[in-house]
Amino acid sequence: MTVPTITLHETRPDVEPGLGALRGYLRDILGRFEGRPGTDSDVDAFMAEYPDDEGLVPPQGVFLLATDPDGTVLGCVGLRYRGPDVPSDAAEVKRMWTAPAARGLGVGKMLLAEVTRRAREAGRARLVLDTRADLMEARTLYERAGFVETESYNENRHAQVWYALDLR
């Protein structure tokens, strides 16, 4: 398999192509919640119940896409600098996703490295994130990047594991 050139760029999660990436992330995650493929109606209901993606635009945060040379979205990640659940010394990783066809190409590692760099440049002391216990691929990625399990910093009813990465 030839690894494509991967480009990272900022976009908004509420317009294309960012919206398509966000919907791909949600379809994947909701499918895992339900034990069946996620549907558009599942995604629509989740987005209506949890409209927190507005925090992924400047100045509150940023939303990044990974694309190949043809513009195909390979993954996405959000970074929130502020929000009701974001500790004051931290930035929060949100909506980390790699498209199924791009898994194993290093997309997640590249996205995570970029949000880590941006959080450090913004003067944050740490990065935090929450995830589900069964998302072993993601948990392995986070742990290899130096994240360690920590206490809960939010009330996310879907999360079972919380991580932090010291940026100092």
N, C-alpha and C. Protein backbone atom coordinates (compact mmCIF):
# COMPACT_ATOMS: atom_id res chain seq x y z
N MET A 1 0.85 -1.17 0.00
CA MET A 1 0.00 0.00 0.00
C MET A 1 0.89 1.24 0.00
N THR A 2 0.62 2.16 -0.90
CA THR A 2 1.35 3.42 -0.96
C THR A 2 0.71 4.39 0.02
N VAL A 3 1.54 4.99 0.87
CA VAL A 3 1.03 5.96 1.83
C VAL A 3 0.91 7.31 1.12
N PRO A 4 -0.29 7.90 1.12
CA PRO A 4 -0.46 9.18 0.44
C PRO A 4 0.21 10.31 1.21
N THR A 5 0.48 11.40 0.49
CA THR A 5 0.92 12.62 1.16
C THR A 5 -0.28 13.14 1.93
N ILE A 6 -0.08 13.41 3.20
CA ILE A 6 -1.17 13.87 4.06
C ILE A 6 -0.95 15.33 4.39
N THR A 7 -1.98 16.13 4.20
CA THR A 7 -1.94 17.55 4.50
C THR A 7 -2.93 17.85 5.61
N LEU A 8 -2.53 18.67 6.58
CA LEU A 8 -3.43 19.12 7.64
C LEU A 8 -3.81 20.56 7.37
N HIS A 9 -5.09 20.86 7.60
CA HIS A 9 -5.53 22.25 7.46
C HIS A 9 -6.74 22.51 8.35
N GLU A 10 -6.90 23.78 8.71
CA GLU A 10 -8.03 24.21 9.53
C GLU A 10 -9.28 24.32 8.68
N THR A 11 -10.39 24.01 9.30
CA THR A 11 -11.69 24.19 8.68
C THR A 11 -12.70 24.41 9.79
N ARG A 12 -13.93 24.50 9.43
CA ARG A 12 -15.02 24.61 10.42
C ARG A 12 -15.75 23.27 10.46
N PRO A 13 -16.24 22.86 11.64
CA PRO A 13 -16.97 21.60 11.72
C PRO A 13 -18.43 21.71 11.30
N ASP A 14 -18.88 22.93 10.95
CA ASP A 14 -20.29 23.12 10.61
C ASP A 14 -20.53 23.36 9.13
N VAL A 15 -19.47 23.30 8.31
CA VAL A 15 -19.60 23.42 6.86
C VAL A 15 -18.69 22.37 6.21
N GLU A 16 -18.97 22.04 4.96
CA GLU A 16 -18.14 21.05 4.26
C GLU A 16 -16.76 21.62 3.96
N PRO A 17 -15.73 20.82 4.01
CA PRO A 17 -15.71 19.38 4.23
C PRO A 17 -15.65 18.97 5.70
N GLY A 18 -15.51 19.97 6.60
CA GLY A 18 -15.43 19.66 8.03
C GLY A 18 -16.67 18.95 8.54
N LEU A 19 -17.84 19.38 8.08
CA LEU A 19 -19.08 18.76 8.53
C LEU A 19 -19.13 17.29 8.13
N GLY A 20 -18.67 16.97 6.93
CA GLY A 20 -18.65 15.57 6.50
C GLY A 20 -17.73 14.73 7.37
N ALA A 21 -16.57 15.30 7.75
CA ALA A 21 -15.64 14.58 8.64
C ALA A 21 -16.27 14.38 10.00
N LEU A 22 -16.90 15.43 10.53
CA LEU A 22 -17.54 15.31 11.84
C LEU A 22 -18.65 14.25 11.79
N ARG A 23 -19.42 14.24 10.73
CA ARG A 23 -20.48 13.24 10.60
C ARG A 23 -19.89 11.83 10.47
N GLY A 24 -18.76 11.69 9.77
CA GLY A 24 -18.08 10.39 9.69
C GLY A 24 -17.63 9.92 11.05
N TYR A 25 -17.05 10.84 11.84
CA TYR A 25 -16.64 10.52 13.21
C TYR A 25 -17.85 10.04 14.02
N LEU A 26 -18.93 10.81 13.97
CA LEU A 26 -20.11 10.47 14.77
C LEU A 26 -20.75 9.17 14.31
N ARG A 27 -20.80 8.94 13.01
CA ARG A 27 -21.37 7.68 12.50
C ARG A 27 -20.56 6.49 13.04
N ASP A 28 -19.25 6.64 13.04
CA ASP A 28 -18.37 5.57 13.53
C ASP A 28 -18.58 5.35 15.03
N ILE A 29 -18.52 6.42 15.81
CA ILE A 29 -18.64 6.31 17.27
C ILE A 29 -20.04 5.82 17.67
N LEU A 30 -21.07 6.39 17.07
CA LEU A 30 -22.43 5.98 17.42
C LEU A 30 -22.69 4.54 17.02
N GLY A 31 -22.09 4.10 15.93
CA GLY A 31 -22.20 2.69 15.55
C GLY A 31 -21.61 1.79 16.61
N ARG A 32 -20.49 2.23 17.20
CA ARG A 32 -19.88 1.45 18.28
C ARG A 32 -20.77 1.46 19.53
N PHE A 33 -21.38 2.62 19.82
CA PHE A 33 -22.29 2.69 20.98
C PHE A 33 -23.43 1.69 20.81
N GLU A 34 -24.00 1.66 19.60
CA GLU A 34 -25.20 0.88 19.34
C GLU A 34 -24.93 -0.56 18.92
N GLY A 35 -23.69 -0.87 18.54
CA GLY A 35 -23.37 -2.21 18.09
C GLY A 35 -23.91 -2.51 16.70
N ARG A 36 -24.13 -1.47 15.91
CA ARG A 36 -24.62 -1.60 14.53
C ARG A 36 -24.14 -0.36 13.78
N PRO A 37 -24.17 -0.37 12.46
CA PRO A 37 -23.74 0.82 11.72
C PRO A 37 -24.55 2.06 12.14
N GLY A 38 -23.85 3.17 12.36
CA GLY A 38 -24.53 4.43 12.69
C GLY A 38 -25.27 4.95 11.47
N THR A 39 -26.39 5.59 11.71
CA THR A 39 -27.22 6.12 10.62
C THR A 39 -27.19 7.64 10.64
N ASP A 40 -27.67 8.24 9.56
CA ASP A 40 -27.78 9.69 9.51
C ASP A 40 -28.70 10.21 10.61
N SER A 41 -29.78 9.48 10.89
CA SER A 41 -30.69 9.95 11.94
C SER A 41 -30.02 9.85 13.32
N ASP A 42 -29.18 8.84 13.54
CA ASP A 42 -28.42 8.76 14.79
C ASP A 42 -27.52 9.99 14.94
N VAL A 43 -26.82 10.32 13.85
CA VAL A 43 -25.90 11.46 13.85
C VAL A 43 -26.67 12.75 14.10
N ASP A 44 -27.78 12.94 13.40
CA ASP A 44 -28.58 14.16 13.57
C ASP A 44 -29.07 14.31 15.01
N ALA A 45 -29.53 13.22 15.60
CA ALA A 45 -30.02 13.27 16.99
C ALA A 45 -28.89 13.61 17.95
N PHE A 46 -27.71 13.02 17.76
CA PHE A 46 -26.57 13.31 18.63
C PHE A 46 -26.15 14.77 18.51
N MET A 47 -26.08 15.27 17.28
CA MET A 47 -25.67 16.66 17.07
C MET A 47 -26.67 17.63 17.69
N ALA A 48 -27.93 17.28 17.68
CA ALA A 48 -28.94 18.14 18.30
C ALA A 48 -28.81 18.13 19.82
N GLU A 49 -28.48 16.96 20.38
CA GLU A 49 -28.36 16.83 21.84
C GLU A 49 -27.06 17.42 22.36
N TYR A 50 -25.98 17.34 21.58
CA TYR A 50 -24.66 17.80 22.01
C TYR A 50 -24.08 18.79 20.99
N PRO A 51 -24.58 20.02 21.00
CA PRO A 51 -24.11 20.99 20.00
C PRO A 51 -22.81 21.69 20.41
N ASP A 52 -21.86 20.97 21.00
CA ASP A 52 -20.66 21.60 21.53
C ASP A 52 -19.58 21.84 20.48
N ASP A 53 -19.84 21.52 19.23
CA ASP A 53 -18.81 21.68 18.22
C ASP A 53 -18.57 23.14 17.83
N GLU A 54 -19.44 24.05 18.30
CA GLU A 54 -19.16 25.46 18.07
C GLU A 54 -17.90 25.90 18.83
N GLY A 55 -17.49 25.14 19.82
CA GLY A 55 -16.26 25.43 20.55
C GLY A 55 -15.01 25.05 19.76
N LEU A 56 -15.17 24.53 18.56
CA LEU A 56 -14.03 24.11 17.75
C LEU A 56 -13.71 25.10 16.64
N VAL A 57 -14.05 26.36 16.88
CA VAL A 57 -13.71 27.44 15.95
C VAL A 57 -13.04 28.55 16.74
N PRO A 58 -12.15 29.30 16.07
CA PRO A 58 -11.47 30.40 16.78
C PRO A 58 -12.46 31.39 17.35
N PRO A 59 -12.21 31.99 18.49
CA PRO A 59 -11.01 31.85 19.31
C PRO A 59 -11.11 30.74 20.37
N GLN A 60 -12.27 30.05 20.47
CA GLN A 60 -12.43 29.00 21.48
C GLN A 60 -11.64 27.74 21.15
N GLY A 61 -11.37 27.50 19.87
CA GLY A 61 -10.69 26.27 19.49
C GLY A 61 -10.42 26.23 18.01
N VAL A 62 -10.13 25.02 17.54
CA VAL A 62 -9.81 24.82 16.13
C VAL A 62 -10.24 23.41 15.74
N PHE A 63 -10.57 23.24 14.46
CA PHE A 63 -10.93 21.94 13.92
C PHE A 63 -10.01 21.69 12.72
N LEU A 64 -9.33 20.55 12.73
CA LEU A 64 -8.35 20.23 11.69
C LEU A 64 -8.77 19.02 10.89
N LEU A 65 -8.49 19.06 9.61
CA LEU A 65 -8.70 17.92 8.73
C LEU A 65 -7.36 17.42 8.22
N ALA A 66 -7.29 16.13 8.03
CA ALA A 66 -6.19 15.50 7.31
C ALA A 66 -6.76 15.08 5.97
N THR A 67 -6.10 15.49 4.88
CA THR A 67 -6.57 15.14 3.55
C THR A 67 -5.43 14.58 2.70
N ASP A 68 -5.81 13.85 1.66
CA ASP A 68 -4.81 13.37 0.70
C ASP A 68 -4.73 14.39 -0.43
N PRO A 69 -3.85 14.19 -1.42
CA PRO A 69 -3.70 15.17 -2.50
C PRO A 69 -4.97 15.43 -3.31
N ASP A 70 -5.89 14.47 -3.33
CA ASP A 70 -7.15 14.65 -4.06
C ASP A 70 -8.22 15.37 -3.23
N GLY A 71 -7.88 15.69 -1.97
CA GLY A 71 -8.85 16.35 -1.10
C GLY A 71 -9.72 15.40 -0.32
N THR A 72 -9.48 14.10 -0.43
CA THR A 72 -10.25 13.13 0.33
C THR A 72 -9.92 13.28 1.81
N VAL A 73 -10.95 13.36 2.63
CA VAL A 73 -10.74 13.51 4.07
C VAL A 73 -10.31 12.17 4.65
N LEU A 74 -9.17 12.20 5.33
CA LEU A 74 -8.61 11.00 5.96
C LEU A 74 -8.84 10.97 7.46
N GLY A 75 -9.14 12.13 8.05
CA GLY A 75 -9.37 12.18 9.49
C GLY A 75 -9.60 13.60 9.95
N CYS A 76 -9.90 13.73 11.23
CA CYS A 76 -10.14 15.05 11.81
C CYS A 76 -9.82 15.02 13.30
N VAL A 77 -9.67 16.22 13.85
CA VAL A 77 -9.51 16.39 15.29
C VAL A 77 -9.88 17.83 15.64
N GLY A 78 -10.45 17.98 16.82
CA GLY A 78 -10.74 19.31 17.34
C GLY A 78 -9.89 19.58 18.56
N LEU A 79 -9.67 20.86 18.81
CA LEU A 79 -8.93 21.30 20.00
C LEU A 79 -9.69 22.48 20.58
N ARG A 80 -10.14 22.33 21.83
CA ARG A 80 -10.85 23.43 22.51
C ARG A 80 -9.93 24.04 23.54
N TYR A 81 -9.79 25.38 23.47
CA TYR A 81 -8.99 26.11 24.44
C TYR A 81 -9.82 26.54 25.64
N ARG A 82 -11.11 26.72 25.42
CA ARG A 82 -12.00 27.08 26.52
C ARG A 82 -13.36 26.44 26.31
N GLY A 83 -14.04 26.32 27.43
CA GLY A 83 -15.37 25.73 27.41
C GLY A 83 -15.73 25.34 28.82
N PRO A 84 -16.98 25.02 29.05
CA PRO A 84 -17.43 24.72 30.42
C PRO A 84 -16.72 23.53 31.05
N ASP A 85 -16.26 22.58 30.26
CA ASP A 85 -15.60 21.40 30.81
C ASP A 85 -14.08 21.42 30.65
N VAL A 86 -13.54 22.48 30.06
CA VAL A 86 -12.11 22.53 29.81
C VAL A 86 -11.41 23.15 31.01
N PRO A 87 -10.54 22.40 31.69
CA PRO A 87 -9.81 22.98 32.83
C PRO A 87 -9.04 24.23 32.39
N SER A 88 -8.93 25.21 33.28
CA SER A 88 -8.36 26.51 32.91
C SER A 88 -6.92 26.45 32.43
N ASP A 89 -6.16 25.45 32.84
CA ASP A 89 -4.75 25.35 32.41
C ASP A 89 -4.57 24.42 31.21
N ALA A 90 -5.67 23.94 30.66
CA ALA A 90 -5.59 22.87 29.65
C ALA A 90 -6.24 23.27 28.33
N ALA A 91 -6.00 22.46 27.34
CA ALA A 91 -6.75 22.44 26.09
C ALA A 91 -7.30 21.01 25.98
N GLU A 92 -8.44 20.87 25.32
CA GLU A 92 -9.10 19.57 25.25
C GLU A 92 -9.15 19.05 23.82
N VAL A 93 -8.74 17.82 23.64
CA VAL A 93 -8.82 17.14 22.35
C VAL A 93 -10.24 16.61 22.19
N LYS A 94 -10.85 16.91 21.05
CA LYS A 94 -12.23 16.48 20.76
C LYS A 94 -12.31 15.91 19.35
N ARG A 95 -13.23 15.00 19.14
CA ARG A 95 -13.62 14.51 17.82
C ARG A 95 -12.44 13.95 17.00
N MET A 96 -11.56 13.22 17.68
CA MET A 96 -10.42 12.59 17.02
C MET A 96 -10.92 11.39 16.23
N TRP A 97 -10.62 11.37 14.92
CA TRP A 97 -11.14 10.29 14.06
C TRP A 97 -10.25 10.09 12.85
N THR A 98 -10.07 8.84 12.47
CA THR A 98 -9.42 8.48 11.22
C THR A 98 -10.42 7.69 10.40
N ALA A 99 -10.57 8.06 9.14
CA ALA A 99 -11.48 7.35 8.25
C ALA A 99 -11.05 5.89 8.16
N PRO A 100 -11.99 4.96 8.12
CA PRO A 100 -11.63 3.54 8.08
C PRO A 100 -10.61 3.19 6.99
N ALA A 101 -10.74 3.77 5.81
CA ALA A 101 -9.82 3.45 4.71
C ALA A 101 -8.41 3.98 4.95
N ALA A 102 -8.25 4.91 5.89
CA ALA A 102 -6.94 5.52 6.15
C ALA A 102 -6.28 4.99 7.42
N ARG A 103 -6.92 4.07 8.10
CA ARG A 103 -6.34 3.56 9.34
C ARG A 103 -5.05 2.80 9.06
N GLY A 104 -4.07 3.03 9.92
CA GLY A 104 -2.77 2.41 9.75
C GLY A 104 -1.79 3.25 8.95
N LEU A 105 -2.21 4.42 8.48
CA LEU A 105 -1.34 5.29 7.68
C LEU A 105 -0.65 6.37 8.51
N GLY A 106 -0.94 6.44 9.81
CA GLY A 106 -0.32 7.46 10.65
C GLY A 106 -1.11 8.75 10.75
N VAL A 107 -2.33 8.76 10.26
CA VAL A 107 -3.16 9.96 10.28
C VAL A 107 -3.42 10.42 11.71
N GLY A 108 -3.84 9.51 12.58
CA GLY A 108 -4.13 9.87 13.96
C GLY A 108 -2.90 10.42 14.67
N LYS A 109 -1.77 9.79 14.45
CA LYS A 109 -0.52 10.24 15.07
C LYS A 109 -0.19 11.67 14.61
N MET A 110 -0.37 11.94 13.33
CA MET A 110 -0.09 13.26 12.79
C MET A 110 -1.04 14.31 13.36
N LEU A 111 -2.34 13.98 13.42
CA LEU A 111 -3.32 14.91 13.98
C LEU A 111 -3.03 15.19 15.45
N LEU A 112 -2.73 14.15 16.21
CA LEU A 112 -2.47 14.31 17.63
C LEU A 112 -1.21 15.15 17.86
N ALA A 113 -0.19 14.93 17.06
CA ALA A 113 1.04 15.73 17.18
C ALA A 113 0.75 17.20 16.90
N GLU A 114 -0.11 17.48 15.94
CA GLU A 114 -0.41 18.87 15.60
C GLU A 114 -1.20 19.58 16.70
N VAL A 115 -2.20 18.92 17.28
CA VAL A 115 -2.93 19.59 18.36
C VAL A 115 -2.05 19.74 19.60
N THR A 116 -1.15 18.80 19.81
CA THR A 116 -0.21 18.93 20.93
C THR A 116 0.68 20.15 20.71
N ARG A 117 1.19 20.32 19.51
CA ARG A 117 2.03 21.47 19.18
C ARG A 117 1.26 22.77 19.38
N ARG A 118 0.04 22.82 18.91
CA ARG A 118 -0.77 24.04 19.02
C ARG A 118 -1.10 24.37 20.48
N ALA A 119 -1.42 23.36 21.26
CA ALA A 119 -1.73 23.60 22.68
C ALA A 119 -0.49 24.11 23.41
N ARG A 120 0.64 23.54 23.11
CA ARG A 120 1.90 23.99 23.73
C ARG A 120 2.19 25.43 23.33
N GLU A 121 2.04 25.76 22.04
CA GLU A 121 2.28 27.12 21.57
C GLU A 121 1.30 28.11 22.19
N ALA A 122 0.11 27.66 22.53
CA ALA A 122 -0.89 28.52 23.16
C ALA A 122 -0.62 28.69 24.66
N GLY A 123 0.43 28.05 25.16
CA GLY A 123 0.80 28.21 26.57
C GLY A 123 0.03 27.34 27.54
N ARG A 124 -0.63 26.29 27.03
CA ARG A 124 -1.38 25.40 27.91
C ARG A 124 -0.42 24.48 28.65
N ALA A 125 -0.75 24.18 29.89
CA ALA A 125 0.09 23.30 30.71
C ALA A 125 -0.14 21.83 30.39
N ARG A 126 -1.34 21.51 29.87
CA ARG A 126 -1.65 20.11 29.60
C ARG A 126 -2.75 20.00 28.56
N LEU A 127 -2.80 18.82 27.99
CA LEU A 127 -3.89 18.43 27.10
C LEU A 127 -4.73 17.42 27.85
N VAL A 128 -6.04 17.48 27.70
CA VAL A 128 -6.93 16.50 28.30
C VAL A 128 -7.87 15.96 27.22
N LEU A 129 -8.39 14.77 27.48
CA LEU A 129 -9.39 14.19 26.60
C LEU A 129 -10.13 13.10 27.34
N ASP A 130 -11.30 12.78 26.82
CA ASP A 130 -12.05 11.64 27.35
C ASP A 130 -12.34 10.68 26.22
N THR A 131 -12.57 9.43 26.57
CA THR A 131 -12.85 8.42 25.56
C THR A 131 -13.62 7.26 26.20
N ARG A 132 -14.01 6.34 25.38
CA ARG A 132 -14.66 5.13 25.85
C ARG A 132 -13.61 4.07 26.12
N ALA A 133 -13.87 3.19 27.04
CA ALA A 133 -12.93 2.12 27.39
C ALA A 133 -12.71 1.16 26.23
N ASP A 134 -13.72 0.96 25.38
CA ASP A 134 -13.61 -0.01 24.29
C ASP A 134 -12.93 0.52 23.03
N LEU A 135 -12.54 1.78 23.01
CA LEU A 135 -11.86 2.35 21.84
C LEU A 135 -10.35 2.12 21.99
N MET A 136 -9.97 0.86 21.90
CA MET A 136 -8.59 0.45 22.18
C MET A 136 -7.58 1.05 21.21
N GLU A 137 -7.97 1.22 19.93
CA GLU A 137 -7.02 1.82 18.99
C GLU A 137 -6.68 3.23 19.41
N ALA A 138 -7.70 4.00 19.77
CA ALA A 138 -7.48 5.39 20.21
C ALA A 138 -6.69 5.42 21.50
N ARG A 139 -7.06 4.58 22.44
CA ARG A 139 -6.35 4.57 23.73
C ARG A 139 -4.87 4.22 23.54
N THR A 140 -4.59 3.28 22.65
CA THR A 140 -3.19 2.93 22.37
C THR A 140 -2.45 4.12 21.78
N LEU A 141 -3.08 4.83 20.85
CA LEU A 141 -2.48 6.02 20.26
C LEU A 141 -2.16 7.06 21.34
N TYR A 142 -3.12 7.33 22.20
CA TYR A 142 -2.92 8.34 23.26
C TYR A 142 -1.79 7.93 24.20
N GLU A 143 -1.79 6.69 24.61
CA GLU A 143 -0.77 6.23 25.55
C GLU A 143 0.62 6.25 24.92
N ARG A 144 0.73 5.88 23.66
CA ARG A 144 2.03 5.95 22.97
C ARG A 144 2.52 7.39 22.83
N ALA A 145 1.59 8.34 22.79
CA ALA A 145 1.95 9.76 22.70
C ALA A 145 2.28 10.36 24.06
N GLY A 146 2.16 9.57 25.13
CA GLY A 146 2.53 10.05 26.45
C GLY A 146 1.37 10.43 27.36
N PHE A 147 0.14 10.28 26.89
CA PHE A 147 -1.02 10.56 27.74
C PHE A 147 -1.09 9.51 28.83
N VAL A 148 -1.53 9.93 30.02
CA VAL A 148 -1.72 9.01 31.13
C VAL A 148 -3.16 9.15 31.63
N GLU A 149 -3.70 8.03 32.11
CA GLU A 149 -5.05 8.08 32.67
C GLU A 149 -5.07 9.00 33.87
N THR A 150 -6.17 9.73 34.00
CA THR A 150 -6.33 10.70 35.08
C THR A 150 -7.76 10.66 35.58
N GLU A 151 -8.06 11.47 36.56
CA GLU A 151 -9.42 11.54 37.08
C GLU A 151 -10.32 12.25 36.08
N SER A 152 -11.60 12.04 36.23
CA SER A 152 -12.59 12.69 35.37
C SER A 152 -12.50 14.20 35.53
N TYR A 153 -12.55 14.92 34.42
CA TYR A 153 -12.59 16.39 34.47
C TYR A 153 -13.91 16.92 33.93
N ASN A 154 -14.79 16.01 33.51
CA ASN A 154 -16.09 16.45 32.98
C ASN A 154 -17.17 15.43 33.33
N GLU A 155 -18.36 15.72 32.89
CA GLU A 155 -19.51 14.85 33.17
C GLU A 155 -19.99 14.13 31.92
N ASN A 156 -19.11 13.85 30.99
CA ASN A 156 -19.49 13.18 29.75
C ASN A 156 -19.99 11.78 30.07
N ARG A 157 -21.28 11.55 29.87
CA ARG A 157 -21.86 10.26 30.22
C ARG A 157 -21.43 9.14 29.28
N HIS A 158 -20.84 9.50 28.13
CA HIS A 158 -20.37 8.49 27.19
C HIS A 158 -18.93 8.09 27.47
N ALA A 159 -18.21 8.86 28.25
CA ALA A 159 -16.79 8.58 28.51
C ALA A 159 -16.64 7.64 29.70
N GLN A 160 -15.59 6.83 29.63
CA GLN A 160 -15.26 5.93 30.73
C GLN A 160 -13.80 6.07 31.15
N VAL A 161 -13.00 6.73 30.31
CA VAL A 161 -11.58 6.90 30.59
C VAL A 161 -11.21 8.34 30.26
N TRP A 162 -10.41 8.95 31.13
CA TRP A 162 -9.94 10.31 30.94
C TRP A 162 -8.42 10.30 30.92
N TYR A 163 -7.85 11.11 30.03
CA TYR A 163 -6.40 11.17 29.88
C TYR A 163 -5.92 12.61 29.99
N ALA A 164 -4.63 12.75 30.35
CA ALA A 164 -3.97 14.05 30.35
C ALA A 164 -2.54 13.86 29.87
N LEU A 165 -2.03 14.91 29.24
CA LEU A 165 -0.64 14.95 28.79
C LEU A 165 -0.03 16.23 29.30
N ASP A 166 1.02 16.13 30.09
CA ASP A 166 1.73 17.30 30.61
C ASP A 166 2.51 17.94 29.48
N LEU A 167 2.30 19.22 29.24
CA LEU A 167 2.97 19.92 28.16
C LEU A 167 4.14 20.78 28.63
N ARG A 168 4.40 20.78 29.94
CA ARG A 168 5.50 21.63 30.45
C ARG A 168 6.84 21.00 30.27
